PDB file of N, CA and C in Angstrom:
ATOM      1  N   MET A   1     155.690 -51.519-126.872  1.00  0.00           N
ATOM      2  CA  MET A   1     156.800 -52.528-126.657  1.00  0.00           C
ATOM      3  C   MET A   1     157.070 -52.385-125.045  1.00  0.00           C
ATOM      4  N   SER A   2     156.953 -51.248-124.496  1.00  0.00           N
ATOM      5  CA  SER A   2     157.212 -51.274-122.969  1.00  0.00           C
ATOM      6  C   SER A   2     156.178 -52.109-122.111  1.00  0.00           C
ATOM      7  N   ASN A   3     154.894 -52.239-122.823  1.00  0.00           N
ATOM      8  CA  ASN A   3     153.948 -53.042-122.172  1.00  0.00           C
ATOM      9  C   ASN A   3     154.405 -54.457-122.042  1.00  0.00           C
ATOM     10  N   LYS A   4     155.023 -54.866-123.151  1.00  0.00           N
ATOM     11  CA  LYS A   4     155.435 -56.288-123.252  1.00  0.00           C
ATOM     12  C   LYS A   4     156.555 -56.565-122.307  1.00  0.00           C
ATOM     13  N   ASN A   5     157.429 -55.578-122.152  1.00  0.00           N
ATOM     14  CA  ASN A   5     158.499 -55.770-121.134  1.00  0.00           C
ATOM     15  C   ASN A   5     157.938 -55.768-119.595  1.00  0.00           C
ATOM     16  N   ASN A   6     156.938 -54.886-119.313  1.00  0.00           N
ATOM     17  CA  ASN A   6     156.399 -54.814-117.965  1.00  0.00           C
ATOM     18  C   ASN A   6     155.560 -56.107-117.671  1.00  0.00           C
ATOM     19  N   SER A   7     154.959 -56.623-118.668  1.00  0.00           N
ATOM     20  CA  SER A   7     154.171 -57.832-118.346  1.00  0.00           C
ATOM     21  C   SER A   7     155.143 -59.043-118.093  1.00  0.00           C
ATOM     22  N   LYS A   8     156.312 -59.180-118.783  1.00  0.00           N
ATOM     23  CA  LYS A   8     157.375 -60.185-118.600  1.00  0.00           C
ATOM     24  C   LYS A   8     157.932 -59.859-117.028  1.00  0.00           C
ATOM     25  N   LEU A   9     158.172 -58.602-116.806  1.00  0.00           N
ATOM     26  CA  LEU A   9     158.593 -58.335-115.399  1.00  0.00           C
ATOM     27  C   LEU A   9     157.646 -58.693-114.286  1.00  0.00           C
ATOM     28  N   GLU A  10     156.392 -58.278-114.732  1.00  0.00           N
ATOM     29  CA  GLU A  10     155.363 -58.622-113.625  1.00  0.00           C
ATOM     30  C   GLU A  10     155.090 -60.101-113.469  1.00  0.00           C
ATOM     31  N   LYS A  11     155.188 -60.918-114.650  1.00  0.00           N
ATOM     32  CA  LYS A  11     155.171 -62.433-114.441  1.00  0.00           C
ATOM     33  C   LYS A  11     156.297 -62.872-113.528  1.00  0.00           C
ATOM     34  N   TRP A  12     157.421 -62.392-113.936  1.00  0.00           N
ATOM     35  CA  TRP A  12     158.622 -62.938-113.198  1.00  0.00           C
ATOM     36  C   TRP A  12     158.447 -62.490-111.675  1.00  0.00           C
ATOM     37  N   ARG A  13     158.186 -61.314-111.368  1.00  0.00           N
ATOM     38  CA  ARG A  13     158.008 -60.928-110.012  1.00  0.00           C
ATOM     39  C   ARG A  13     156.969 -61.669-109.266  1.00  0.00           C
ATOM     40  N   ASN A  14     155.853 -61.996-109.918  1.00  0.00           N
ATOM     41  CA  ASN A  14     154.906 -62.758-109.263  1.00  0.00           C
ATOM     42  C   ASN A  14     155.326 -64.151-108.954  1.00  0.00           C
ATOM     43  N   ASN A  15     156.098 -64.837-109.892  1.00  0.00           N
ATOM     44  CA  ASN A  15     156.497 -66.121-109.606  1.00  0.00           C
ATOM     45  C   ASN A  15     157.709 -66.503-108.741  1.00  0.00           C
ATOM     46  N   TYR A  16     158.615 -65.427-108.669  1.00  0.00           N
ATOM     47  CA  TYR A  16     160.068 -65.678-108.153  1.00  0.00           C
ATOM     48  C   TYR A  16     160.365 -64.608-107.171  1.00  0.00           C
ATOM     49  N   ALA A  17     159.603 -63.821-106.688  1.00  0.00           N
ATOM     50  CA  ALA A  17     160.075 -62.726-105.849  1.00  0.00           C
ATOM     51  C   ALA A  17     160.256 -63.215-104.396  1.00  0.00           C
ATOM     52  N   ALA A  18     159.309 -64.108-103.811  1.00  0.00           N
ATOM     53  CA  ALA A  18     159.604 -64.699-102.673  1.00  0.00           C
ATOM     54  C   ALA A  18     160.910 -65.421-102.486  1.00  0.00           C
ATOM     55  N   LEU A  19     161.338 -66.078-103.548  1.00  0.00           N
ATOM     56  CA  LEU A  19     162.408 -66.985-103.482  1.00  0.00           C
ATOM     57  C   LEU A  19     163.650 -66.133-103.450  1.00  0.00           C
ATOM     58  N   VAL A  20     163.719 -64.949-104.195  1.00  0.00           N
ATOM     59  CA  VAL A  20     164.824 -63.959-104.237  1.00  0.00           C
ATOM     60  C   VAL A  20     164.934 -63.393-102.829  1.00  0.00           C
ATOM     61  N   VAL A  21     163.779 -62.963-102.179  1.00  0.00           N
ATOM     62  CA  VAL A  21     163.974 -62.565-100.831  1.00  0.00           C
ATOM     63  C   VAL A  21     164.492 -63.447 -99.870  1.00  0.00           C
ATOM     64  N   ALA A  22     164.033 -64.902 -99.990  1.00  0.00           N
ATOM     65  CA  ALA A  22     164.479 -65.907 -99.054  1.00  0.00           C
ATOM     66  C   ALA A  22     165.937 -66.090 -99.365  1.00  0.00           C
ATOM     67  N   ILE A  23     166.469 -66.158-100.598  1.00  0.00           N
ATOM     68  CA  ILE A  23     167.852 -66.212-100.748  1.00  0.00           C
ATOM     69  C   ILE A  23     168.806 -65.117-100.284  1.00  0.00           C
ATOM     70  N   SER A  24     168.131 -63.820-100.426  1.00  0.00           N
ATOM     71  CA  SER A  24     169.043 -62.768 -99.889  1.00  0.00           C
ATOM     72  C   SER A  24     169.142 -62.824 -98.303  1.00  0.00           C
ATOM     73  N   CYS A  25     167.874 -63.049 -97.824  1.00  0.00           N
ATOM     74  CA  CYS A  25     167.974 -63.313 -96.403  1.00  0.00           C
ATOM     75  C   CYS A  25     168.885 -64.381 -95.995  1.00  0.00           C
ATOM     76  N   LEU A  26     169.089 -65.425 -96.616  1.00  0.00           N
ATOM     77  CA  LEU A  26     169.921 -66.599 -96.267  1.00  0.00           C
ATOM     78  C   LEU A  26     171.382 -66.073 -96.506  1.00  0.00           C
ATOM     79  N   CYS A  27     171.634 -65.385 -97.486  1.00  0.00           N
ATOM     80  CA  CYS A  27     173.046 -64.809 -97.659  1.00  0.00           C
ATOM     81  C   CYS A  27     173.322 -63.887 -96.429  1.00  0.00           C
ATOM     82  N   SER A  28     172.383 -62.960 -96.068  1.00  0.00           N
ATOM     83  CA  SER A  28     172.579 -62.096 -95.008  1.00  0.00           C
ATOM     84  C   SER A  28     172.903 -62.806 -93.628  1.00  0.00           C
ATOM     85  N   VAL A  29     172.124 -63.944 -93.529  1.00  0.00           N
ATOM     86  CA  VAL A  29     172.262 -64.629 -92.197  1.00  0.00           C
ATOM     87  C   VAL A  29     173.730 -65.199 -92.198  1.00  0.00           C
ATOM     88  N   VAL A  30     174.059 -65.786 -93.331  1.00  0.00           N
ATOM     89  CA  VAL A  30     175.369 -66.498 -93.287  1.00  0.00           C
ATOM     90  C   VAL A  30     176.577 -65.366 -93.150  1.00  0.00           C
ATOM     91  N   VAL A  31     176.364 -64.373 -93.735  1.00  0.00           N
ATOM     92  CA  VAL A  31     177.545 -63.297 -93.694  1.00  0.00           C
ATOM     93  C   VAL A  31     177.653 -62.753 -92.267  1.00  0.00           C
ATOM     94  N   SER A  32     176.346 -62.417 -91.557  1.00  0.00           N
ATOM     95  CA  SER A  32     176.285 -61.738 -90.231  1.00  0.00           C
ATOM     96  C   SER A  32     176.180 -62.712 -89.116  1.00  0.00           C
ATOM     97  N   TRP A  33     176.296 -64.032 -89.170  1.00  0.00           N
ATOM     98  CA  TRP A  33     176.061 -64.983 -88.248  1.00  0.00           C
ATOM     99  C   TRP A  33     177.058 -64.706 -87.040  1.00  0.00           C
ATOM    100  N   GLY A  34     176.548 -64.526 -85.865  1.00  0.00           N
ATOM    101  CA  GLY A  34     177.334 -64.411 -84.646  1.00  0.00           C
ATOM    102  C   GLY A  34     177.598 -62.930 -84.237  1.00  0.00           C
ATOM    103  N   GLU A  35     177.394 -61.988 -85.122  1.00  0.00           N
ATOM    104  CA  GLU A  35     177.684 -60.653 -84.800  1.00  0.00           C
ATOM    105  C   GLU A  35     176.525 -60.009 -84.084  1.00  0.00           C
ATOM    106  N   ASN A  36     175.295 -60.267 -84.603  1.00  0.00           N
ATOM    107  CA  ASN A  36     174.086 -59.610 -83.921  1.00  0.00           C
ATOM    108  C   ASN A  36     173.062 -60.856 -83.863  1.00  0.00           C
ATOM    109  N   TRP A  37     172.843 -61.306 -82.734  1.00  0.00           N
ATOM    110  CA  TRP A  37     171.971 -62.471 -82.714  1.00  0.00           C
ATOM    111  C   TRP A  37     170.576 -62.142 -83.034  1.00  0.00           C
ATOM    112  N   PHE A  38     170.049 -60.964 -82.687  1.00  0.00           N
ATOM    113  CA  PHE A  38     168.640 -60.645 -82.929  1.00  0.00           C
ATOM    114  C   PHE A  38     168.477 -60.474 -84.369  1.00  0.00           C
ATOM    115  N   MET A  39     169.315 -59.986 -85.044  1.00  0.00           N
ATOM    116  CA  MET A  39     169.256 -59.738 -86.468  1.00  0.00           C
ATOM    117  C   MET A  39     169.376 -61.111 -87.124  1.00  0.00           C
ATOM    118  N   SER A  40     170.236 -61.964 -86.777  1.00  0.00           N
ATOM    119  CA  SER A  40     170.320 -63.278 -87.331  1.00  0.00           C
ATOM    120  C   SER A  40     169.068 -64.150 -87.111  1.00  0.00           C
ATOM    121  N   ALA A  41     168.413 -63.914 -85.910  1.00  0.00           N
ATOM    122  CA  ALA A  41     167.280 -64.680 -85.674  1.00  0.00           C
ATOM    123  C   ALA A  41     166.165 -64.200 -86.648  1.00  0.00           C
ATOM    124  N   LEU A  42     166.056 -62.900 -86.641  1.00  0.00           N
ATOM    125  CA  LEU A  42     165.037 -62.360 -87.582  1.00  0.00           C
ATOM    126  C   LEU A  42     165.192 -62.611 -89.045  1.00  0.00           C
ATOM    127  N   LEU A  43     166.442 -62.597 -89.484  1.00  0.00           N
ATOM    128  CA  LEU A  43     166.524 -62.972 -90.862  1.00  0.00           C
ATOM    129  C   LEU A  43     166.446 -64.378 -91.062  1.00  0.00           C
ATOM    130  N   SER A  44     166.618 -65.330 -90.088  1.00  0.00           N
ATOM    131  CA  SER A  44     166.296 -66.789 -90.253  1.00  0.00           C
ATOM    132  C   SER A  44     164.983 -66.943 -90.365  1.00  0.00           C
ATOM    133  N   VAL A  45     164.132 -66.224 -89.537  1.00  0.00           N
ATOM    134  CA  VAL A  45     162.635 -66.367 -89.631  1.00  0.00           C
ATOM    135  C   VAL A  45     162.150 -65.930 -91.029  1.00  0.00           C
ATOM    136  N   GLY A  46     162.855 -64.955 -91.608  1.00  0.00           N
ATOM    137  CA  GLY A  46     162.463 -64.500 -92.989  1.00  0.00           C
ATOM    138  C   GLY A  46     162.830 -65.532 -93.944  1.00  0.00           C
ATOM    139  N   VAL A  47     163.857 -66.299 -93.628  1.00  0.00           N
ATOM    140  CA  VAL A  47     164.235 -67.408 -94.642  1.00  0.00           C
ATOM    141  C   VAL A  47     163.272 -68.391 -94.759  1.00  0.00           C
ATOM    142  N   ILE A  48     162.805 -68.737 -93.410  1.00  0.00           N
ATOM    143  CA  ILE A  48     161.813 -69.764 -93.508  1.00  0.00           C
ATOM    144  C   ILE A  48     160.318 -69.405 -93.893  1.00  0.00           C
ATOM    145  N   ILE A  49     159.907 -68.144 -93.681  1.00  0.00           N
ATOM    146  CA  ILE A  49     158.765 -67.835 -94.021  1.00  0.00           C
ATOM    147  C   ILE A  49     158.676 -67.524 -95.649  1.00  0.00           C
ATOM    148  N   CYS A  50     159.717 -66.763 -96.208  1.00  0.00           N
ATOM    149  CA  CYS A  50     159.733 -66.510 -97.576  1.00  0.00           C
ATOM    150  C   CYS A  50     160.096 -67.680 -98.285  1.00  0.00           C
ATOM    151  N   GLY A  51     160.937 -68.650 -97.833  1.00  0.00           N
ATOM    152  CA  GLY A  51     161.114 -69.847 -98.531  1.00  0.00           C
ATOM    153  C   GLY A  51     160.035 -70.719 -98.666  1.00  0.00           C
ATOM    154  N   THR A  52     159.070 -70.747 -97.578  1.00  0.00           N
ATOM    155  CA  THR A  52     157.868 -71.576 -97.647  1.00  0.00           C
ATOM    156  C   THR A  52     156.899 -71.019 -98.756  1.00  0.00           C
ATOM    157  N   ILE A  53     156.736 -69.579 -98.661  1.00  0.00           N
ATOM    158  CA  ILE A  53     155.891 -69.098 -99.652  1.00  0.00           C
ATOM    159  C   ILE A  53     156.488 -69.290-101.092  1.00  0.00           C
ATOM    160  N   GLY A  54     157.804 -69.033-101.321  1.00  0.00           N
ATOM    161  CA  GLY A  54     158.274 -69.341-102.738  1.00  0.00           C
ATOM    162  C   GLY A  54     158.325 -70.867-103.021  1.00  0.00           C
ATOM    163  N   PHE A  55     158.287 -71.724-102.079  1.00  0.00           N
ATOM    164  CA  PHE A  55     158.161 -73.236-102.432  1.00  0.00           C
ATOM    165  C   PHE A  55     156.756 -73.429-102.940  1.00  0.00           C
ATOM    166  N   PHE A  56     155.746 -73.060-102.314  1.00  0.00           N
ATOM    167  CA  PHE A  56     154.418 -73.123-102.695  1.00  0.00           C
ATOM    168  C   PHE A  56     154.086 -72.326-103.946  1.00  0.00           C
ATOM    169  N   ASP A  57     154.666 -71.252-104.123  1.00  0.00           N
ATOM    170  CA  ASP A  57     154.613 -70.571-105.515  1.00  0.00           C
ATOM    171  C   ASP A  57     155.157 -71.538-106.624  1.00  0.00           C
ATOM    172  N   LEU A  58     156.326 -71.969-106.456  1.00  0.00           N
ATOM    173  CA  LEU A  58     156.839 -72.778-107.446  1.00  0.00           C
ATOM    174  C   LEU A  58     155.981 -74.074-107.655  1.00  0.00           C
ATOM    175  N   LYS A  59     155.373 -74.526-106.632  1.00  0.00           N
ATOM    176  CA  LYS A  59     154.575 -75.786-106.718  1.00  0.00           C
ATOM    177  C   LYS A  59     153.282 -75.458-107.553  1.00  0.00           C
ATOM    178  N   ARG A  60     152.696 -74.314-107.258  1.00  0.00           N
ATOM    179  CA  ARG A  60     151.587 -73.853-107.948  1.00  0.00           C
ATOM    180  C   ARG A  60     151.917 -73.600-109.527  1.00  0.00           C
ATOM    181  N   ILE A  61     153.131 -73.025-109.753  1.00  0.00           N
ATOM    182  CA  ILE A  61     153.473 -72.760-111.092  1.00  0.00           C
ATOM    183  C   ILE A  61     153.678 -74.056-111.914  1.00  0.00           C
ATOM    184  N   PHE A  62     154.362 -75.050-111.275  1.00  0.00           N
ATOM    185  CA  PHE A  62     154.549 -76.322-112.069  1.00  0.00           C
ATOM    186  C   PHE A  62     153.280 -77.114-112.222  1.00  0.00           C
ATOM    187  N   LYS A  63     152.467 -77.094-111.234  1.00  0.00           N
ATOM    188  CA  LYS A  63     151.119 -77.752-111.277  1.00  0.00           C
ATOM    189  C   LYS A  63     150.285 -77.095-112.514  1.00  0.00           C
ATOM    190  N   LYS A  64     150.431 -75.698-112.513  1.00  0.00           N
ATOM    191  CA  LYS A  64     149.594 -74.958-113.625  1.00  0.00           C
ATOM    192  C   LYS A  64     150.178 -75.282-115.140  1.00  0.00           C
ATOM    193  N   ASP A  65     151.524 -75.481-115.105  1.00  0.00           N
ATOM    194  CA  ASP A  65     152.090 -75.816-116.532  1.00  0.00           C
ATOM    195  C   ASP A  65     151.793 -77.257-116.845  1.00  0.00           C
ATOM    196  N   ILE A  66     151.601 -78.163-116.042  1.00  0.00           N
ATOM    197  CA  ILE A  66     151.351 -79.434-116.545  1.00  0.00           C
ATOM    198  C   ILE A  66     149.972 -79.715-116.894  1.00  0.00           C
TER     199      ILE A  66
END
């Protein structure tokens, strides 16, 4: 039974992990905007990179399902 749960978790992690990281970076950027410009810039780059990876992951998933 634990193998079945692990496989579902691994599938979810493979499909949506980059989007979760991008959303968390975006939330951190919004909350800390203007306090520390270096950290805001670094997190903004993380939003762009992880968001791009997540977008292409979703595109691949939808293409595979069709």
